[in-house]
Amino acid sequence: MNYSVIVPVYKNEHSIPELIESLSLVQNEIASRFNIQLEAIFVVDGSPDQSAAVLSQKLPEAPFASKLLLHTRNFGSFAAIRSGLNAGQGPYFGMIAADLQEPPSLLVDFLEKLVSNTADIVVGTRRNRDDPPATRLFASLFWWLYRLLIIRDIPEGGVDLFACTDQVRRELSKLGEAHSSLVGLVYWVGFRRCEITYSRSARKYGRSAWTFRRKLAYMMDSVFSFTDLPIRILTAAGLLGITFALLMGVIVFIARVFGDITVTGYATTLLVIVFFGALNTLGIGLVGHYAWRTYENTKHRPLGIVSQVFSFSAHSRADTSLPLED
């Protein structure tokens, strides 16, 4: 029986040796407590550094079974997690970041909840974080907006990692939406959930690839995938614009009757600009993002492409090196 742990990798070459050591400790603990074997699935998501080379060197010596998946380019961390979920085997699945800011011991706590049948999905939520003040402030604002606009069940500390049963994994695999949020989908599928809090550590190696641009794109993807708030906002804006145009029409008409407006065509020009400007705002806003996302999903492109898969048994050389089958 396996516990498949997915690790998306991007610019993490320096943290990999320590991560493998930590996963070795996790393997020892889950083997003794639950009689379950760890299967670590590393997905290198087009990383430009030596992450793939370091993993190829270290994994054959690891005391746990593992797989190394190589994406053809950088598809994003959520695509990497999806690839790992599809490649895993066993009744339980978990994920953790490769930067060691989340304690690997959380994987044991996750598994305990799943094995005891307490929940089908276990999410890790941050109790506090050892990050710079600006980073903490932005993260708090980000997840506050996420809770307000998208999914109110999201914990206040946000969700960066989770574990689930194979049944949940299968349901997530069926949802091949492009430009969506995996965290949002985890909550959308339902099932029994529970939360485990943890303290986020300071980053030891390198700089985070989770830039402001990526966070903004993630927020937009989440908004347009899980809520009709933009439609409601733009509908309200359009209605307000139309109301304003009607009021302006009354004012201009009265001014025209009393002779306060003498310029020929002024009233008509003003009304046309205001009224159709409001309609354009309403119409373009309604169809823009949603139509584009609908079009993207009709293409049925894979969310990530794996060029090679390397499998390693515990304390052994590579067993296989083969392209991923369709």
C-alpha atoms as a PDB file:
ATOM      1  CA  MET A   1       0.000   0.000   0.000  1.00  0.00           C
ATOM      2  CA  ASN A   2       1.454   3.348  -1.075  1.00  0.00           C
ATOM      3  CA  TYR A   3       1.152   6.934   0.037  1.00  0.00           C
ATOM      4  CA  SER A   4       1.921   8.940  -3.104  1.00  0.00           C
ATOM      5  CA  VAL A   5       3.406  12.351  -2.301  1.00  0.00           C
ATOM      6  CA  ILE A   6       3.589  14.839  -5.168  1.00  0.00           C
ATOM      7  CA  VAL A   7       6.356  17.443  -5.157  1.00  0.00           C
ATOM      8  CA  PRO A   8       6.260  20.144  -7.881  1.00  0.00           C
ATOM      9  CA  VAL A   9       9.794  21.355  -8.580  1.00  0.00           C
ATOM     10  CA  TYR A  10      10.834  24.694 -10.060  1.00  0.00           C
ATOM     11  CA  LYS A  11      14.187  26.306  -9.231  1.00  0.00           C
ATOM     12  CA  ASN A  12      14.684  24.118  -6.152  1.00  0.00           C
ATOM     13  CA  GLU A  13      18.049  22.499  -6.824  1.00  0.00           C
ATOM     14  CA  HIS A  14      19.545  23.639  -3.493  1.00  0.00           C
ATOM     15  CA  SER A  15      16.700  22.404  -1.295  1.00  0.00           C
ATOM     16  CA  ILE A  16      16.349  18.959  -2.886  1.00  0.00           C
ATOM     17  CA  PRO A  17      19.013  17.097  -0.805  1.00  0.00           C
ATOM     18  CA  GLU A  18      17.490  18.277   2.473  1.00  0.00           C
ATOM     19  CA  LEU A  19      13.992  17.544   1.189  1.00  0.00           C
ATOM     20  CA  ILE A  20      14.927  13.956   0.348  1.00  0.00           C
ATOM     21  CA  GLU A  21      16.346  13.516   3.846  1.00  0.00           C
ATOM     22  CA  SER A  22      13.105  14.837   5.334  1.00  0.00           C
ATOM     23  CA  LEU A  23      11.026  12.505   3.176  1.00  0.00           C
ATOM     24  CA  SER A  24      13.203   9.621   4.351  1.00  0.00           C
ATOM     25  CA  LEU A  25      12.143  10.399   7.913  1.00  0.00           C
ATOM     26  CA  VAL A  26       8.520  10.542   6.782  1.00  0.00           C
ATOM     27  CA  GLN A  27       8.933   7.122   5.146  1.00  0.00           C
ATOM     28  CA  ASN A  28      10.270   5.623   8.371  1.00  0.00           C
ATOM     29  CA  GLU A  29       7.425   7.024  10.441  1.00  0.00           C
ATOM     30  CA  ILE A  30       4.526   6.040   8.169  1.00  0.00           C
ATOM     31  CA  ALA A  31       6.013   2.561   7.691  1.00  0.00           C
ATOM     32  CA  SER A  32       6.205   1.985  11.437  1.00  0.00           C
ATOM     33  CA  ARG A  33       2.853   3.592  12.324  1.00  0.00           C
ATOM     34  CA  PHE A  34       0.638   2.649   9.389  1.00  0.00           C
ATOM     35  CA  ASN A  35       2.560  -0.089   7.533  1.00  0.00           C
ATOM     36  CA  ILE A  36       2.387   2.104   4.419  1.00  0.00           C
ATOM     37  CA  GLN A  37       5.207   2.836   1.970  1.00  0.00           C
ATOM     38  CA  LEU A  38       6.033   6.293   0.695  1.00  0.00           C
ATOM     39  CA  GLU A  39       6.079   6.896  -3.050  1.00  0.00           C
ATOM     40  CA  ALA A  40       7.513  10.337  -3.835  1.00  0.00           C
ATOM     41  CA  ILE A  41       6.627  11.796  -7.234  1.00  0.00           C
ATOM     42  CA  PHE A  42       8.805  14.733  -8.239  1.00  0.00           C
ATOM     43  CA  VAL A  43       7.488  16.773 -11.180  1.00  0.00           C
ATOM     44  CA  VAL A  44      10.122  19.097 -12.629  1.00  0.00           C
ATOM     45  CA  ASP A  45       8.034  21.805 -14.247  1.00  0.00           C
ATOM     46  CA  GLY A  46      10.428  23.073 -16.900  1.00  0.00           C
ATOM     47  CA  SER A  47      12.881  24.277 -14.252  1.00  0.00           C
ATOM     48  CA  PRO A  48      15.844  26.110 -15.819  1.00  0.00           C
ATOM     49  CA  ASP A  49      18.305  25.116 -13.075  1.00  0.00           C
ATOM     50  CA  GLN A  50      19.856  21.722 -12.228  1.00  0.00           C
ATOM     51  CA  SER A  51      16.865  20.381 -10.295  1.00  0.00           C
ATOM     52  CA  ALA A  52      16.328  17.450 -12.660  1.00  0.00           C
ATOM     53  CA  ALA A  53      20.012  16.508 -12.581  1.00  0.00           C
ATOM     54  CA  VAL A  54      20.151  16.637  -8.778  1.00  0.00           C
ATOM     55  CA  LEU A  55      17.044  14.484  -8.484  1.00  0.00           C
ATOM     56  CA  SER A  56      18.408  11.960 -10.990  1.00  0.00           C
ATOM     57  CA  GLN A  57      21.501  11.656  -8.817  1.00  0.00           C
ATOM     58  CA  LYS A  58      19.829  11.550  -5.401  1.00  0.00           C
ATOM     59  CA  LEU A  59      16.658   9.518  -5.920  1.00  0.00           C
ATOM     60  CA  PRO A  60      18.353   6.163  -6.709  1.00  0.00           C
ATOM     61  CA  GLU A  61      19.937   6.352  -3.254  1.00  0.00           C
ATOM     62  CA  ALA A  62      16.731   7.279  -1.409  1.00  0.00           C
ATOM     63  CA  PRO A  63      15.155   4.737   0.974  1.00  0.00           C
ATOM     64  CA  PHE A  64      11.730   5.172  -0.613  1.00  0.00           C
ATOM     65  CA  ALA A  65      10.280   4.459  -4.039  1.00  0.00           C
ATOM     66  CA  SER A  66      10.054   7.468  -6.302  1.00  0.00           C
ATOM     67  CA  LYS A  67       9.258   8.779  -9.751  1.00  0.00           C
ATOM     68  CA  LEU A  68      10.742  11.695 -11.618  1.00  0.00           C
ATOM     69  CA  LEU A  69       8.511  13.380 -14.200  1.00  0.00           C
ATOM     70  CA  LEU A  70       9.871  16.012 -16.568  1.00  0.00           C
ATOM     71  CA  HIS A  71       7.509  18.573 -18.062  1.00  0.00           C
ATOM     72  CA  THR A  72       8.353  19.796 -21.554  1.00  0.00           C
ATOM     73  CA  ARG A  73       8.132  23.404 -20.312  1.00  0.00           C
ATOM     74  CA  ASN A  74       6.882  25.432 -17.391  1.00  0.00           C
ATOM     75  CA  PHE A  75       3.120  24.820 -17.155  1.00  0.00           C
ATOM     76  CA  GLY A  76       2.716  26.022 -13.558  1.00  0.00           C
ATOM     77  CA  SER A  77       2.686  24.372 -10.156  1.00  0.00           C
ATOM     78  CA  PHE A  78      -0.960  23.300 -10.360  1.00  0.00           C
ATOM     79  CA  ALA A  79      -0.351  21.527 -13.673  1.00  0.00           C
ATOM     80  CA  ALA A  80       2.647  19.820 -12.083  1.00  0.00           C
ATOM     81  CA  ILE A  81       0.504  18.629  -9.179  1.00  0.00           C
ATOM     82  CA  ARG A  82      -2.067  17.274 -11.629  1.00  0.00           C
ATOM     83  CA  SER A  83       0.626  15.351 -13.502  1.00  0.00           C
ATOM     84  CA  GLY A  84       1.821  13.899 -10.225  1.00  0.00           C
ATOM     85  CA  LEU A  85      -1.683  12.895  -9.171  1.00  0.00           C
ATOM     86  CA  ASN A  86      -2.170  11.070 -12.466  1.00  0.00           C
ATOM     87  CA  ALA A  87       1.146   9.234 -12.071  1.00  0.00           C
ATOM     88  CA  GLY A  88       0.659   8.114  -8.473  1.00  0.00           C
ATOM     89  CA  GLN A  89      -0.491   4.745  -7.204  1.00  0.00           C
ATOM     90  CA  GLY A  90      -2.149   3.788  -3.975  1.00  0.00           C
ATOM     91  CA  PRO A  91      -5.162   4.726  -1.875  1.00  0.00           C
ATOM     92  CA  TYR A  92      -3.714   7.973  -0.450  1.00  0.00           C
ATOM     93  CA  PHE A  93      -2.213  11.064  -2.044  1.00  0.00           C
ATOM     94  CA  GLY A  94      -0.517  14.122  -0.624  1.00  0.00           C
ATOM     95  CA  MET A  95       1.467  17.069  -1.887  1.00  0.00           C
ATOM     96  CA  ILE A  96       4.148  19.336  -0.526  1.00  0.00           C
ATOM     97  CA  ALA A  97       6.278  22.145  -1.911  1.00  0.00           C
ATOM     98  CA  ALA A  98       9.961  21.584  -2.602  1.00  0.00           C
ATOM     99  CA  ASP A  99      11.146  24.787  -0.892  1.00  0.00           C
ATOM    100  CA  LEU A 100      10.839  23.313   2.649  1.00  0.00           C
ATOM    101  CA  GLN A 101       8.751  26.221   3.932  1.00  0.00           C
ATOM    102  CA  GLU A 102       6.066  23.717   4.917  1.00  0.00           C
ATOM    103  CA  PRO A 103       7.226  21.025   7.375  1.00  0.00           C
ATOM    104  CA  PRO A 104       7.308  17.574   5.720  1.00  0.00           C
ATOM    105  CA  SER A 105       6.007  16.132   8.997  1.00  0.00           C
ATOM    106  CA  LEU A 106       2.618  17.489   7.913  1.00  0.00           C
ATOM    107  CA  LEU A 107       2.456  14.572   5.491  1.00  0.00           C
ATOM    108  CA  VAL A 108       2.272  12.191   8.443  1.00  0.00           C
ATOM    109  CA  ASP A 109      -0.514  14.224  10.057  1.00  0.00           C
ATOM    110  CA  PHE A 110      -2.398  14.232   6.768  1.00  0.00           C
ATOM    111  CA  LEU A 111      -2.086  10.484   6.383  1.00  0.00           C
ATOM    112  CA  GLU A 112      -3.305   9.869   9.916  1.00  0.00           C
ATOM    113  CA  LYS A 113      -6.572  11.660   9.132  1.00  0.00           C
ATOM    114  CA  LEU A 114      -7.032   9.723   5.901  1.00  0.00           C
ATOM    115  CA  VAL A 115      -6.185   6.299   7.352  1.00  0.00           C
ATOM    116  CA  SER A 116      -8.520   6.836  10.307  1.00  0.00           C
ATOM    117  CA  ASN A 117     -11.306   7.752   7.838  1.00  0.00           C
ATOM    118  CA  THR A 118     -11.748  11.095   9.550  1.00  0.00           C
ATOM    119  CA  ALA A 119     -11.823  12.928   6.229  1.00  0.00           C
ATOM    120  CA  ASP A 120     -11.458  12.428   2.490  1.00  0.00           C
ATOM    121  CA  ILE A 121      -9.520  15.680   2.023  1.00  0.00           C
ATOM    122  CA  VAL A 122      -7.064  17.188   4.489  1.00  0.00           C
ATOM    123  CA  VAL A 123      -5.807  20.731   3.891  1.00  0.00           C
ATOM    124  CA  GLY A 124      -2.915  22.497   5.562  1.00  0.00           C
ATOM    125  CA  THR A 125      -3.607  26.069   6.630  1.00  0.00           C
ATOM    126  CA  ARG A 126      -1.001  28.461   7.964  1.00  0.00           C
ATOM    127  CA  ARG A 127      -1.275  29.493  11.598  1.00  0.00           C
ATOM    128  CA  ASN A 128       1.582  31.946  11.174  1.00  0.00           C
ATOM    129  CA  ARG A 129       4.443  32.491   8.753  1.00  0.00           C
ATOM    130  CA  ASP A 130       8.076  33.474   9.174  1.00  0.00           C
ATOM    131  CA  ASP A 131       8.130  35.794   6.172  1.00  0.00           C
ATOM    132  CA  PRO A 132       8.937  39.495   5.672  1.00  0.00           C
ATOM    133  CA  PRO A 133       6.157  41.877   6.831  1.00  0.00           C
ATOM    134  CA  ALA A 134       5.292  42.906   3.271  1.00  0.00           C
ATOM    135  CA  THR A 135       4.905  39.267   2.223  1.00  0.00           C
ATOM    136  CA  ARG A 136       2.689  38.498   5.216  1.00  0.00           C
ATOM    137  CA  LEU A 137       0.536  41.552   4.538  1.00  0.00           C
ATOM    138  CA  PHE A 138       0.078  40.693   0.876  1.00  0.00           C
ATOM    139  CA  ALA A 139      -0.687  37.035   1.667  1.00  0.00           C
ATOM    140  CA  SER A 140      -3.304  38.057   4.240  1.00  0.00           C
ATOM    141  CA  LEU A 141      -4.903  40.430   1.744  1.00  0.00           C
ATOM    142  CA  PHE A 142      -4.793  37.806  -0.997  1.00  0.00           C
ATOM    143  CA  TRP A 143      -6.588  35.125   1.033  1.00  0.00           C
ATOM    144  CA  TRP A 144      -9.031  37.651   2.494  1.00  0.00           C
ATOM    145  CA  LEU A 145     -10.088  38.562  -1.043  1.00  0.00           C
ATOM    146  CA  TYR A 146     -10.187  34.871  -1.983  1.00  0.00           C
ATOM    147  CA  ARG A 147     -12.565  34.151   0.885  1.00  0.00           C
ATOM    148  CA  LEU A 148     -14.666  37.231   0.140  1.00  0.00           C
ATOM    149  CA  LEU A 149     -14.967  36.860  -3.616  1.00  0.00           C
ATOM    150  CA  ILE A 150     -14.526  33.185  -4.436  1.00  0.00           C
ATOM    151  CA  ILE A 151     -14.816  30.444  -1.796  1.00  0.00           C
ATOM    152  CA  ARG A 152     -15.886  31.390   1.705  1.00  0.00           C
ATOM    153  CA  ASP A 153     -14.921  27.987   3.126  1.00  0.00           C
ATOM    154  CA  ILE A 154     -11.213  28.636   2.482  1.00  0.00           C
ATOM    155  CA  PRO A 155      -9.353  28.986   5.815  1.00  0.00           C
ATOM    156  CA  GLU A 156      -8.145  32.465   6.750  1.00  0.00           C
ATOM    157  CA  GLY A 157      -4.531  31.345   6.468  1.00  0.00           C
ATOM    158  CA  GLY A 158      -5.058  30.055   2.937  1.00  0.00           C
ATOM    159  CA  VAL A 159      -4.300  26.617   1.509  1.00  0.00           C
ATOM    160  CA  ASP A 160      -0.951  25.667  -0.023  1.00  0.00           C
ATOM    161  CA  LEU A 161      -0.947  21.882   0.357  1.00  0.00           C
ATOM    162  CA  PHE A 162      -3.411  19.061   0.828  1.00  0.00           C
ATOM    163  CA  ALA A 163      -3.865  15.297   0.907  1.00  0.00           C
ATOM    164  CA  CYS A 164      -6.761  13.174  -0.296  1.00  0.00           C
ATOM    165  CA  THR A 165      -8.022   9.672  -0.952  1.00  0.00           C
ATOM    166  CA  ASP A 166      -7.846   7.971  -4.317  1.00  0.00           C
ATOM    167  CA  GLN A 167     -11.558   8.585  -4.856  1.00  0.00           C
ATOM    168  CA  VAL A 168     -11.037  12.332  -4.556  1.00  0.00           C
ATOM    169  CA  ARG A 169      -7.997  12.128  -6.845  1.00  0.00           C
ATOM    170  CA  ARG A 170     -10.070  10.415  -9.523  1.00  0.00           C
ATOM    171  CA  GLU A 171     -12.738  13.101  -9.351  1.00  0.00           C
ATOM    172  CA  LEU A 172     -10.128  15.868  -9.568  1.00  0.00           C
ATOM    173  CA  SER A 173      -8.566  14.169 -12.578  1.00  0.00           C
ATOM    174  CA  LYS A 174     -11.877  14.356 -14.425  1.00  0.00           C
ATOM    175  CA  LEU A 175     -11.903  18.158 -14.132  1.00  0.00           C
ATOM    176  CA  GLY A 176      -9.629  19.187 -16.972  1.00  0.00           C
ATOM    177  CA  GLU A 177     -10.415  22.900 -16.846  1.00  0.00           C
ATOM    178  CA  ALA A 178      -7.821  25.265 -18.256  1.00  0.00           C
ATOM    179  CA  HIS A 179      -6.994  28.455 -16.330  1.00  0.00           C
ATOM    180  CA  SER A 180      -8.626  27.251 -13.150  1.00  0.00           C
ATOM    181  CA  SER A 181      -7.567  26.914  -9.524  1.00  0.00           C
ATOM    182  CA  LEU A 182      -6.700  23.487  -8.137  1.00  0.00           C
ATOM    183  CA  VAL A 183      -7.392  24.711  -4.605  1.00  0.00           C
ATOM    184  CA  GLY A 184     -10.796  25.924  -5.740  1.00  0.00           C
ATOM    185  CA  LEU A 185     -11.504  22.552  -7.361  1.00  0.00           C
ATOM    186  CA  VAL A 186     -10.500  20.741  -4.160  1.00  0.00           C
ATOM    187  CA  TYR A 187     -13.254  22.643  -2.367  1.00  0.00           C
ATOM    188  CA  TRP A 188     -15.693  22.411  -5.264  1.00  0.00           C
ATOM    189  CA  VAL A 189     -15.737  18.592  -5.354  1.00  0.00           C
ATOM    190  CA  GLY A 190     -17.045  18.494  -1.803  1.00  0.00           C
ATOM    191  CA  PHE A 191     -16.328  15.337   0.250  1.00  0.00           C
ATOM    192  CA  ARG A 192     -15.432  15.390   3.931  1.00  0.00           C
ATOM    193  CA  ARG A 193     -12.708  17.900   4.729  1.00  0.00           C
ATOM    194  CA  CYS A 194     -10.641  18.743   7.751  1.00  0.00           C
ATOM    195  CA  GLU A 195      -7.881  21.256   8.411  1.00  0.00           C
ATOM    196  CA  ILE A 196      -4.481  21.002  10.047  1.00  0.00           C
ATOM    197  CA  THR A 197      -2.683  24.200  11.017  1.00  0.00           C
ATOM    198  CA  TYR A 198       1.060  24.681  10.809  1.00  0.00           C
ATOM    199  CA  SER A 199       3.724  27.370  11.018  1.00  0.00           C
ATOM    200  CA  ARG A 200       5.331  28.336   7.730  1.00  0.00           C
ATOM    201  CA  SER A 201       9.114  28.554   7.921  1.00  0.00           C
ATOM    202  CA  ALA A 202      11.345  31.155   6.348  1.00  0.00           C
ATOM    203  CA  ARG A 203      12.684  30.306   2.923  1.00  0.00           C
ATOM    204  CA  LYS A 204      16.184  28.808   3.167  1.00  0.00           C
ATOM    205  CA  TYR A 205      17.194  28.581  -0.472  1.00  0.00           C
ATOM    206  CA  GLY A 206      16.745  30.897  -3.428  1.00  0.00           C
ATOM    207  CA  ARG A 207      13.830  33.175  -4.169  1.00  0.00           C
ATOM    208  CA  SER A 208      10.204  32.265  -4.599  1.00  0.00           C
ATOM    209  CA  ALA A 209       8.940  31.913  -8.168  1.00  0.00           C
ATOM    210  CA  TRP A 210       5.478  32.834  -6.882  1.00  0.00           C
ATOM    211  CA  THR A 211       5.712  36.413  -8.156  1.00  0.00           C
ATOM    212  CA  PHE A 212       3.092  39.156  -7.978  1.00  0.00           C
ATOM    213  CA  ARG A 213       2.216  38.528 -11.622  1.00  0.00           C
ATOM    214  CA  ARG A 214       1.597  34.829 -10.945  1.00  0.00           C
ATOM    215  CA  LYS A 215      -0.479  35.611  -7.869  1.00  0.00           C
ATOM    216  CA  LEU A 216      -2.575  38.108  -9.812  1.00  0.00           C
ATOM    217  CA  ALA A 217      -3.125  35.574 -12.610  1.00  0.00           C
ATOM    218  CA  TYR A 218      -4.080  32.942 -10.013  1.00  0.00           C
ATOM    219  CA  MET A 219      -6.612  35.298  -8.439  1.00  0.00           C
ATOM    220  CA  MET A 220      -8.136  36.143 -11.814  1.00  0.00           C
ATOM    221  CA  ASP A 221      -8.332  32.469 -12.805  1.00  0.00           C
ATOM    222  CA  SER A 222     -10.048  31.690  -9.518  1.00  0.00           C
ATOM    223  CA  VAL A 223     -12.528  34.544  -9.873  1.00  0.00           C
ATOM    224  CA  PHE A 224     -13.535  33.707 -13.424  1.00  0.00           C
ATOM    225  CA  SER A 225     -13.706  29.951 -12.718  1.00  0.00           C
ATOM    226  CA  PHE A 226     -15.731  29.947  -9.509  1.00  0.00           C
ATOM    227  CA  THR A 227     -17.866  33.066  -9.311  1.00  0.00           C
ATOM    228  CA  ASP A 228     -20.063  35.276 -11.458  1.00  0.00           C
ATOM    229  CA  LEU A 229     -19.060  38.344  -9.437  1.00  0.00           C
ATOM    230  CA  PRO A 230     -17.551  40.176 -12.451  1.00  0.00           C
ATOM    231  CA  ILE A 231     -20.820  39.685 -14.320  1.00  0.00           C
ATOM    232  CA  ARG A 232     -22.826  41.062 -11.416  1.00  0.00           C
ATOM    233  CA  ILE A 233     -20.470  44.015 -10.967  1.00  0.00           C
ATOM    234  CA  LEU A 234     -20.533  44.915 -14.643  1.00  0.00           C
ATOM    235  CA  THR A 235     -24.285  44.425 -14.809  1.00  0.00           C
ATOM    236  CA  ALA A 236     -24.663  46.865 -11.938  1.00  0.00           C
ATOM    237  CA  ALA A 237     -22.218  49.256 -13.594  1.00  0.00           C
ATOM    238  CA  GLY A 238     -24.128  49.060 -16.860  1.00  0.00           C
ATOM    239  CA  LEU A 239     -27.469  49.661 -15.151  1.00  0.00           C
ATOM    240  CA  LEU A 240     -26.025  52.608 -13.253  1.00  0.00           C
ATOM    241  CA  GLY A 241     -24.653  53.970 -16.508  1.00  0.00           C
ATOM    242  CA  ILE A 242     -28.012  53.653 -18.212  1.00  0.00           C
ATOM    243  CA  THR A 243     -29.730  55.287 -15.249  1.00  0.00           C
ATOM    244  CA  PHE A 244     -27.195  58.086 -15.337  1.00  0.00           C
ATOM    245  CA  ALA A 245     -27.761  58.493 -19.081  1.00  0.00           C
ATOM    246  CA  LEU A 246     -31.530  58.773 -18.550  1.00  0.00           C
ATOM    247  CA  LEU A 247     -31.082  61.356 -15.799  1.00  0.00           C
ATOM    248  CA  MET A 248     -28.679  63.289 -17.976  1.00  0.00           C
ATOM    249  CA  GLY A 249     -31.242  63.094 -20.768  1.00  0.00           C
ATOM    250  CA  VAL A 250     -33.905  64.663 -18.545  1.00  0.00           C
ATOM    251  CA  ILE A 251     -31.499  67.391 -17.428  1.00  0.00           C
ATOM    252  CA  VAL A 252     -30.360  68.139 -20.965  1.00  0.00           C
ATOM    253  CA  PHE A 253     -33.949  68.152 -22.220  1.00  0.00           C
ATOM    254  CA  ILE A 254     -35.015  70.606 -19.524  1.00  0.00           C
ATOM    255  CA  ALA A 255     -31.988  72.780 -20.211  1.00  0.00           C
ATOM    256  CA  ARG A 256     -32.790  72.680 -23.910  1.00  0.00           C
ATOM    257  CA  VAL A 257     -36.424  73.690 -23.326  1.00  0.00           C
ATOM    258  CA  PHE A 258     -35.406  76.642 -21.175  1.00  0.00           C
ATOM    259  CA  GLY A 259     -32.798  77.734 -23.664  1.00  0.00           C
ATOM    260  CA  ASP A 260     -29.706  77.028 -21.536  1.00  0.00           C
ATOM    261  CA  ILE A 261     -28.251  74.904 -24.344  1.00  0.00           C
ATOM    262  CA  THR A 262     -27.955  76.621 -27.668  1.00  0.00           C
ATOM    263  CA  VAL A 263     -25.316  74.517 -29.431  1.00  0.00           C
ATOM    264  CA  THR A 264     -26.934  72.438 -32.175  1.00  0.00           C
ATOM    265  CA  GLY A 265     -26.495  68.680 -31.666  1.00  0.00           C
ATOM    266  CA  TYR A 266     -24.938  68.974 -28.194  1.00  0.00           C
ATOM    267  CA  ALA A 267     -27.742  67.133 -26.433  1.00  0.00           C
ATOM    268  CA  THR A 268     -27.866  64.284 -28.901  1.00  0.00           C
ATOM    269  CA  THR A 269     -24.085  63.842 -28.902  1.00  0.00           C
ATOM    270  CA  LEU A 270     -23.879  63.783 -25.102  1.00  0.00           C
ATOM    271  CA  LEU A 271     -26.684  61.259 -24.745  1.00  0.00           C
ATOM    272  CA  VAL A 272     -25.261  58.943 -27.400  1.00  0.00           C
ATOM    273  CA  ILE A 273     -21.763  58.985 -25.850  1.00  0.00           C
ATOM    274  CA  VAL A 274     -22.956  58.336 -22.297  1.00  0.00           C
ATOM    275  CA  PHE A 275     -25.590  55.725 -23.175  1.00  0.00           C
ATOM    276  CA  PHE A 276     -23.566  53.637 -25.577  1.00  0.00           C
ATOM    277  CA  GLY A 277     -20.441  53.974 -23.446  1.00  0.00           C
ATOM    278  CA  ALA A 278     -22.357  52.331 -20.615  1.00  0.00           C
ATOM    279  CA  LEU A 279     -23.659  49.603 -22.894  1.00  0.00           C
ATOM    280  CA  ASN A 280     -20.170  48.883 -24.213  1.00  0.00           C
ATOM    281  CA  THR A 281     -18.808  48.587 -20.696  1.00  0.00           C
ATOM    282  CA  LEU A 282     -21.570  46.160 -19.836  1.00  0.00           C
ATOM    283  CA  GLY A 283     -21.354  44.063 -22.986  1.00  0.00           C
ATOM    284  CA  ILE A 284     -17.576  43.781 -23.294  1.00  0.00           C
ATOM    285  CA  GLY A 285     -17.202  42.984 -19.632  1.00  0.00           C
ATOM    286  CA  LEU A 286     -19.841  40.272 -19.774  1.00  0.00           C
ATOM    287  CA  VAL A 287     -18.437  38.337 -22.679  1.00  0.00           C
ATOM    288  CA  GLY A 288     -14.707  39.028 -22.493  1.00  0.00           C
ATOM    289  CA  HIS A 289     -13.094  36.801 -19.894  1.00  0.00           C
ATOM    290  CA  TYR A 290     -15.827  34.192 -19.802  1.00  0.00           C
ATOM    291  CA  ALA A 291     -15.926  33.750 -23.566  1.00  0.00           C
ATOM    292  CA  TRP A 292     -12.154  33.413 -23.700  1.00  0.00           C
ATOM    293  CA  ARG A 293     -12.120  30.797 -20.970  1.00  0.00           C
ATOM    294  CA  THR A 294     -14.928  28.884 -22.648  1.00  0.00           C
ATOM    295  CA  TYR A 295     -12.951  28.914 -25.883  1.00  0.00           C
ATOM    296  CA  GLU A 296      -9.816  27.713 -24.094  1.00  0.00           C
ATOM    297  CA  ASN A 297     -11.678  24.752 -22.647  1.00  0.00           C
ATOM    298  CA  THR A 298     -13.088  23.749 -26.030  1.00  0.00           C
ATOM    299  CA  LYS A 299      -9.535  23.138 -27.278  1.00  0.00           C
ATOM    300  CA  HIS A 300      -9.119  20.211 -24.852  1.00  0.00           C
ATOM    301  CA  ARG A 301      -5.384  20.782 -24.654  1.00  0.00           C
ATOM    302  CA  PRO A 302      -3.543  18.896 -21.909  1.00  0.00           C
ATOM    303  CA  LEU A 303      -2.835  21.021 -18.865  1.00  0.00           C
ATOM    304  CA  GLY A 304       0.726  19.702 -18.786  1.00  0.00           C
ATOM    305  CA  ILE A 305       2.902  17.554 -21.041  1.00  0.00           C
ATOM    306  CA  VAL A 306       5.331  15.052 -19.526  1.00  0.00           C
ATOM    307  CA  SER A 307       8.265  14.180 -21.756  1.00  0.00           C
ATOM    308  CA  GLN A 308       9.852  11.462 -19.588  1.00  0.00           C
ATOM    309  CA  VAL A 309       9.149   9.417 -16.494  1.00  0.00           C
ATOM    310  CA  PHE A 310      11.937   7.834 -14.438  1.00  0.00           C
ATOM    311  CA  SER A 311      11.026   5.301 -11.760  1.00  0.00           C
ATOM    312  CA  PHE A 312      13.279   4.371  -8.853  1.00  0.00           C
ATOM    313  CA  SER A 313      12.887   1.625  -6.294  1.00  0.00           C
ATOM    314  CA  ALA A 314      14.127   2.099  -2.779  1.00  0.00           C
ATOM    315  CA  HIS A 315      17.974   1.932  -2.721  1.00  0.00           C
ATOM    316  CA  SER A 316      18.188   0.955  -6.387  1.00  0.00           C
ATOM    317  CA  ARG A 317      19.200   2.285  -9.766  1.00  0.00           C
ATOM    318  CA  ALA A 318      16.617   3.580 -12.203  1.00  0.00           C
ATOM    319  CA  ASP A 319      14.186   0.876 -13.224  1.00  0.00           C
ATOM    320  CA  THR A 320      12.634   2.550 -16.226  1.00  0.00           C
ATOM    321  CA  SER A 321      12.949   5.578 -18.420  1.00  0.00           C
ATOM    322  CA  LEU A 322      10.023   5.926 -20.745  1.00  0.00           C
ATOM    323  CA  PRO A 323       7.692   8.503 -22.248  1.00  0.00           C
ATOM    324  CA  LEU A 324       4.338   8.917 -20.530  1.00  0.00           C
ATOM    325  CA  GLU A 325       1.614   6.936 -22.240  1.00  0.00           C
ATOM    326  CA  ASP A 326      -1.607   8.588 -23.296  1.00  0.00           C
END
